[in-house]
Amino acid sequence: PSEVLFDRIGKERSKVAVQEYKDIKALYGISISALVIRADQLGITPHSYTKSFWIMRRKWGWVRNGEPGIWCGTETPMRFNGLVYRALSEGMITVSKSAALLDCPLSDLRAEQDVG
């Protein structure tokens, strides 16, 4: 959202250090390229900076090797797991079927089910 970028990098900049974008990337899990585009859309950085960024991105090898910086974590699908646990708790599937669907040890799932 615009408020986040305004808060993190300001309302008007001539350029933004890659490290600033890396910090935002680590915090929110959004790519540096997307952040540069959003900063341009919001008028935080000039179009000339954005154009230079795309040129440098290729020169730095980001197109081939990926961007620097860490993501805030790996994306994990939660809906499927939630549906499996619900089906298990409602008695619609067995513990062994749940373990197979969740790809986890049967003993771990049994231990979880012993709670209440």
Protein backbone atom coordinates (compact mmCIF):
# COMPACT_ATOMS: atom_id res chain seq x y z
CA PRO A 1 0.00 0.00 0.00
CA SER A 2 1.05 3.58 -0.60
CA GLU A 3 1.15 4.36 3.13
CA VAL A 4 3.79 1.69 3.69
CA LEU A 5 6.08 2.99 0.97
CA PHE A 6 5.59 6.60 2.04
CA ASP A 7 6.45 5.62 5.60
CA ARG A 8 9.47 3.49 4.67
CA ILE A 9 11.11 5.58 1.92
CA GLY A 10 9.36 8.96 1.96
CA LYS A 11 7.08 10.86 -0.38
CA GLU A 12 9.71 12.05 -2.84
CA ARG A 13 13.18 10.70 -3.59
CA SER A 14 15.59 11.10 -6.47
CA LYS A 15 16.73 7.51 -5.95
CA VAL A 16 16.46 4.72 -3.38
CA ALA A 17 19.30 2.50 -2.22
CA VAL A 18 18.93 -1.16 -3.10
CA GLN A 19 19.47 -1.99 0.58
CA GLU A 20 16.34 0.00 1.48
CA TYR A 21 14.36 -2.10 -0.98
CA LYS A 22 15.99 -5.29 0.35
CA ASP A 23 14.82 -4.39 3.86
CA ILE A 24 11.25 -3.87 2.66
CA LYS A 25 11.46 -7.11 0.67
CA ALA A 26 12.52 -9.02 3.79
CA LEU A 27 9.76 -7.46 5.86
CA TYR A 28 6.83 -7.80 3.46
CA GLY A 29 7.94 -10.47 0.97
CA ILE A 30 7.52 -8.33 -2.12
CA SER A 31 10.11 -8.21 -4.90
CA ILE A 32 12.42 -5.25 -5.34
CA SER A 33 11.22 -4.91 -8.93
CA ALA A 34 7.62 -4.59 -7.77
CA LEU A 35 8.67 -2.01 -5.18
CA VAL A 36 10.48 0.06 -7.81
CA ILE A 37 7.40 -0.01 -10.04
CA ARG A 38 5.13 0.97 -7.14
CA ALA A 39 7.43 3.83 -6.11
CA ASP A 40 7.29 5.06 -9.70
CA GLN A 41 3.49 4.77 -9.82
CA LEU A 42 3.17 6.78 -6.60
CA GLY A 43 5.54 9.47 -7.86
CA ILE A 44 8.07 8.79 -5.10
CA THR A 45 10.89 8.29 -7.59
CA PRO A 46 11.23 9.86 -11.06
CA HIS A 47 10.65 7.82 -14.21
CA SER A 48 14.33 8.23 -15.09
CA TYR A 49 15.29 6.33 -11.92
CA THR A 50 12.92 3.51 -12.80
CA LYS A 51 14.30 3.31 -16.34
CA SER A 52 17.87 3.22 -15.00
CA PHE A 53 16.88 0.53 -12.50
CA TRP A 54 15.65 -1.78 -15.29
CA ILE A 55 18.92 -1.32 -17.17
CA MET A 56 21.02 -1.96 -14.06
CA ARG A 57 18.87 -4.93 -13.04
CA ARG A 58 19.98 -6.72 -16.19
CA LYS A 59 23.60 -5.58 -15.78
CA TRP A 60 23.68 -6.84 -12.15
CA GLY A 61 22.48 -10.26 -13.33
CA TRP A 62 19.17 -10.17 -11.50
CA VAL A 63 17.27 -11.30 -14.59
CA ARG A 64 19.28 -14.51 -14.76
CA ASN A 65 20.20 -15.08 -11.11
CA GLY A 66 17.32 -13.50 -9.23
CA GLU A 67 17.19 -10.51 -6.95
CA PRO A 68 19.32 -10.13 -3.84
CA GLY A 69 17.81 -10.14 -0.40
CA ILE A 70 15.70 -12.54 1.57
CA TRP A 71 11.98 -13.14 1.49
CA CYS A 72 10.01 -12.88 4.68
CA GLY A 73 9.54 -16.62 4.51
CA THR A 74 8.34 -19.27 2.18
CA GLU A 75 4.78 -19.26 1.08
CA THR A 76 2.83 -22.10 2.58
CA PRO A 77 -0.59 -23.11 1.36
CA MET A 78 -2.84 -23.02 4.41
CA ARG A 79 -6.31 -23.73 3.01
CA PHE A 80 -5.62 -27.33 2.06
CA ASN A 81 -4.11 -28.15 5.45
CA GLY A 82 -7.04 -26.49 7.19
CA LEU A 83 -9.52 -28.54 5.18
CA VAL A 84 -7.67 -31.77 5.99
CA TYR A 85 -7.62 -30.97 9.71
CA ARG A 86 -11.29 -30.08 9.62
CA ALA A 87 -12.20 -33.32 7.84
CA LEU A 88 -10.16 -35.24 10.40
CA SER A 89 -11.74 -33.54 13.40
CA GLU A 90 -15.21 -34.07 11.95
CA GLY A 91 -14.49 -37.77 11.43
CA MET A 92 -14.76 -37.58 7.67
CA ILE A 93 -11.28 -39.07 7.12
CA THR A 94 -8.95 -41.22 9.21
CA VAL A 95 -5.75 -40.15 10.93
CA SER A 96 -3.69 -42.24 8.51
CA LYS A 97 -5.40 -40.64 5.49
CA SER A 98 -4.77 -37.20 7.02
CA ALA A 99 -1.09 -37.99 7.58
CA ALA A 100 -0.77 -39.08 3.95
CA LEU A 101 -2.49 -35.94 2.66
CA LEU A 102 -0.39 -33.67 4.89
CA ASP A 103 2.80 -35.62 4.20
CA CYS A 104 3.64 -35.82 7.89
CA PRO A 105 4.45 -38.71 10.22
CA LEU A 106 1.43 -40.58 11.51
CA SER A 107 2.81 -40.45 15.07
CA ASP A 108 2.96 -36.64 15.00
CA LEU A 109 -0.62 -36.37 13.82
CA ARG A 110 -1.84 -38.86 16.43
CA ALA A 111 -0.07 -36.85 19.14
CA GLU A 112 -1.82 -33.69 17.96
CA GLN A 113 -5.18 -35.45 17.99
CA ASP A 114 -4.80 -36.48 21.63
CA VAL A 115 -5.42 -32.88 22.66
CA GLY A 116 -9.06 -32.44 23.69
